[in-house]
Amino acid sequence: MVDLPVSNLSRTPARPSFGIAKALANVSGFFAQMGAAARVSRAVEARRAPNPADLRILGIDAPLPRNW
């Protein structure tokens, strides 16, 4: 007779990698990008330098021009 471990025979099935947590993370990321875009847009319209953190959220890593 062979003794096999039964640790992989749990009563609850494995949870998929996608689920409510991933969906909430995607929605949160969307709102973070939209908020950053709105803040950068307002700063540019007011002729102020946008916040560098907002630019990084939007994926803009280029240095800002000197004359704002």
N, C-alpha and C. Protein backbone atom coordinates (compact mmCIF):
# COMPACT_ATOMS: atom_id res chain seq x y z
N MET A 1 0.83 -1.18 0.00
CA MET A 1 0.00 0.00 0.00
C MET A 1 0.88 1.25 0.00
N VAL A 2 0.46 2.26 -0.73
CA VAL A 2 1.23 3.48 -0.89
C VAL A 2 0.58 4.60 -0.08
N ASP A 3 1.37 5.30 0.71
CA ASP A 3 0.87 6.46 1.46
C ASP A 3 1.06 7.72 0.63
N LEU A 4 -0.01 8.37 0.28
CA LEU A 4 0.07 9.60 -0.50
C LEU A 4 -0.40 10.76 0.36
N PRO A 5 0.25 11.93 0.22
CA PRO A 5 -0.22 13.09 0.98
C PRO A 5 -1.58 13.55 0.45
N VAL A 6 -2.41 14.03 1.34
CA VAL A 6 -3.74 14.48 0.94
C VAL A 6 -3.88 15.99 1.09
N SER A 7 -2.78 16.70 1.14
CA SER A 7 -2.86 18.15 1.31
C SER A 7 -3.48 18.83 0.09
N ASN A 8 -3.40 18.21 -1.06
CA ASN A 8 -3.98 18.82 -2.26
C ASN A 8 -5.45 18.46 -2.44
N LEU A 9 -6.01 17.70 -1.54
CA LEU A 9 -7.41 17.29 -1.63
C LEU A 9 -8.26 18.07 -0.65
N SER A 10 -8.28 19.36 -0.78
CA SER A 10 -9.09 20.17 0.13
C SER A 10 -10.53 20.19 -0.35
N ARG A 11 -11.44 20.54 0.55
CA ARG A 11 -12.86 20.58 0.20
C ARG A 11 -13.21 21.82 -0.62
N THR A 12 -12.47 22.90 -0.46
CA THR A 12 -12.76 24.12 -1.22
C THR A 12 -11.88 24.16 -2.45
N PRO A 13 -12.44 24.48 -3.60
CA PRO A 13 -11.62 24.55 -4.81
C PRO A 13 -10.69 25.77 -4.76
N ALA A 14 -9.64 25.70 -5.51
CA ALA A 14 -8.70 26.81 -5.57
C ALA A 14 -9.38 28.02 -6.20
N ARG A 15 -9.10 29.17 -5.65
CA ARG A 15 -9.70 30.40 -6.18
C ARG A 15 -8.97 30.83 -7.45
N PRO A 16 -9.71 31.32 -8.41
CA PRO A 16 -9.04 31.79 -9.63
C PRO A 16 -8.23 33.05 -9.34
N SER A 17 -7.26 33.31 -10.18
CA SER A 17 -6.39 34.47 -9.96
C SER A 17 -7.13 35.78 -10.23
N PHE A 18 -8.20 35.75 -10.98
CA PHE A 18 -9.01 36.93 -11.20
C PHE A 18 -10.21 36.84 -10.27
N GLY A 19 -10.67 37.94 -9.82
CA GLY A 19 -11.80 37.92 -8.91
C GLY A 19 -12.13 39.34 -8.48
N ILE A 20 -12.76 39.43 -7.34
CA ILE A 20 -13.21 40.73 -6.88
C ILE A 20 -12.03 41.64 -6.54
N ALA A 21 -10.96 41.09 -5.99
CA ALA A 21 -9.81 41.91 -5.62
C ALA A 21 -9.15 42.52 -6.86
N LYS A 22 -9.01 41.71 -7.90
CA LYS A 22 -8.38 42.22 -9.13
C LYS A 22 -9.28 43.24 -9.81
N ALA A 23 -10.58 43.00 -9.79
CA ALA A 23 -11.51 43.95 -10.39
C ALA A 23 -11.47 45.29 -9.64
N LEU A 24 -11.43 45.23 -8.32
CA LEU A 24 -11.36 46.47 -7.54
C LEU A 24 -10.04 47.19 -7.77
N ALA A 25 -8.97 46.46 -7.93
CA ALA A 25 -7.67 47.08 -8.22
C ALA A 25 -7.70 47.77 -9.58
N ASN A 26 -8.34 47.15 -10.56
CA ASN A 26 -8.44 47.77 -11.88
C ASN A 26 -9.28 49.04 -11.84
N VAL A 27 -10.39 49.00 -11.12
CA VAL A 27 -11.25 50.18 -11.00
C VAL A 27 -10.51 51.29 -10.26
N SER A 28 -9.80 50.93 -9.21
CA SER A 28 -9.03 51.91 -8.45
C SER A 28 -7.95 52.56 -9.32
N GLY A 29 -7.27 51.76 -10.13
CA GLY A 29 -6.25 52.29 -11.03
C GLY A 29 -6.84 53.23 -12.06
N PHE A 30 -8.03 52.89 -12.55
CA PHE A 30 -8.71 53.75 -13.52
C PHE A 30 -9.02 55.12 -12.90
N PHE A 31 -9.57 55.12 -11.68
CA PHE A 31 -9.90 56.39 -11.04
C PHE A 31 -8.64 57.18 -10.67
N ALA A 32 -7.56 56.50 -10.33
CA ALA A 32 -6.30 57.19 -10.05
C ALA A 32 -5.78 57.89 -11.30
N GLN A 33 -5.87 57.23 -12.45
CA GLN A 33 -5.42 57.84 -13.70
C GLN A 33 -6.31 59.00 -14.12
N MET A 34 -7.61 58.84 -13.95
CA MET A 34 -8.53 59.93 -14.32
C MET A 34 -8.31 61.15 -13.41
N GLY A 35 -8.11 60.91 -12.12
CA GLY A 35 -7.84 62.02 -11.20
C GLY A 35 -6.55 62.72 -11.52
N ALA A 36 -5.50 61.96 -11.83
CA ALA A 36 -4.22 62.55 -12.20
C ALA A 36 -4.35 63.36 -13.48
N ALA A 37 -5.09 62.85 -14.44
CA ALA A 37 -5.28 63.58 -15.70
C ALA A 37 -6.03 64.89 -15.46
N ALA A 38 -7.03 64.87 -14.60
CA ALA A 38 -7.77 66.10 -14.30
C ALA A 38 -6.89 67.11 -13.59
N ARG A 39 -6.07 66.65 -12.64
CA ARG A 39 -5.18 67.58 -11.92
C ARG A 39 -4.12 68.18 -12.84
N VAL A 40 -3.56 67.36 -13.72
CA VAL A 40 -2.56 67.87 -14.67
C VAL A 40 -3.21 68.85 -15.63
N SER A 41 -4.39 68.55 -16.10
CA SER A 41 -5.10 69.44 -17.02
C SER A 41 -5.37 70.79 -16.37
N ARG A 42 -5.83 70.78 -15.12
CA ARG A 42 -6.09 72.04 -14.43
C ARG A 42 -4.81 72.84 -14.22
N ALA A 43 -3.72 72.14 -13.90
CA ALA A 43 -2.45 72.84 -13.69
C ALA A 43 -1.96 73.48 -14.98
N VAL A 44 -2.07 72.79 -16.09
CA VAL A 44 -1.61 73.33 -17.37
C VAL A 44 -2.47 74.51 -17.78
N GLU A 45 -3.78 74.42 -17.58
CA GLU A 45 -4.66 75.54 -17.93
C GLU A 45 -4.38 76.77 -17.08
N ALA A 46 -3.94 76.55 -15.82
CA ALA A 46 -3.62 77.67 -14.93
C ALA A 46 -2.16 78.11 -15.10
N ARG A 47 -1.46 77.55 -16.07
CA ARG A 47 -0.05 77.86 -16.35
C ARG A 47 0.84 77.62 -15.14
N ARG A 48 0.56 76.53 -14.44
CA ARG A 48 1.40 76.08 -13.33
C ARG A 48 2.03 74.75 -13.71
N ALA A 49 3.12 74.42 -13.05
CA ALA A 49 3.76 73.12 -13.30
C ALA A 49 2.94 72.03 -12.64
N PRO A 50 2.61 70.97 -13.36
CA PRO A 50 1.86 69.87 -12.75
C PRO A 50 2.71 69.11 -11.74
N ASN A 51 2.04 68.43 -10.85
CA ASN A 51 2.71 67.63 -9.84
C ASN A 51 3.45 66.47 -10.51
N PRO A 52 4.73 66.28 -10.20
CA PRO A 52 5.47 65.18 -10.85
C PRO A 52 4.88 63.80 -10.56
N ALA A 53 4.27 63.62 -9.39
CA ALA A 53 3.65 62.32 -9.08
C ALA A 53 2.48 62.05 -10.02
N ASP A 54 1.71 63.08 -10.35
CA ASP A 54 0.60 62.91 -11.28
C ASP A 54 1.12 62.57 -12.68
N LEU A 55 2.21 63.18 -13.06
CA LEU A 55 2.80 62.87 -14.37
C LEU A 55 3.30 61.43 -14.43
N ARG A 56 3.87 60.94 -13.32
CA ARG A 56 4.34 59.55 -13.29
C ARG A 56 3.16 58.58 -13.39
N ILE A 57 2.04 58.92 -12.75
CA ILE A 57 0.85 58.06 -12.84
C ILE A 57 0.40 57.95 -14.28
N LEU A 58 0.52 59.04 -15.02
CA LEU A 58 0.11 59.05 -16.42
C LEU A 58 1.16 58.48 -17.36
N GLY A 59 2.33 58.14 -16.83
CA GLY A 59 3.39 57.56 -17.64
C GLY A 59 4.23 58.57 -18.37
N ILE A 60 4.21 59.82 -17.91
CA ILE A 60 5.00 60.88 -18.53
C ILE A 60 6.24 61.08 -17.66
N ASP A 61 7.38 60.63 -18.15
CA ASP A 61 8.62 60.71 -17.39
C ASP A 61 9.59 61.74 -17.94
N ALA A 62 9.19 62.46 -18.98
CA ALA A 62 10.08 63.46 -19.57
C ALA A 62 10.21 64.66 -18.63
N PRO A 63 11.35 65.31 -18.62
CA PRO A 63 11.49 66.50 -17.78
C PRO A 63 10.57 67.61 -18.25
N LEU A 64 10.13 68.41 -17.31
CA LEU A 64 9.22 69.53 -17.63
C LEU A 64 10.00 70.66 -18.29
N PRO A 65 9.39 71.39 -19.21
CA PRO A 65 10.05 72.55 -19.78
C PRO A 65 10.21 73.64 -18.74
N ARG A 66 11.19 74.50 -18.93
CA ARG A 66 11.51 75.55 -17.95
C ARG A 66 10.45 76.66 -17.91
N ASN A 67 9.88 77.01 -19.04
CA ASN A 67 8.96 78.15 -19.07
C ASN A 67 7.52 77.67 -18.98
N TRP A 68 6.92 77.84 -17.86
CA TRP A 68 5.51 77.49 -17.65
C TRP A 68 4.78 78.76 -17.57
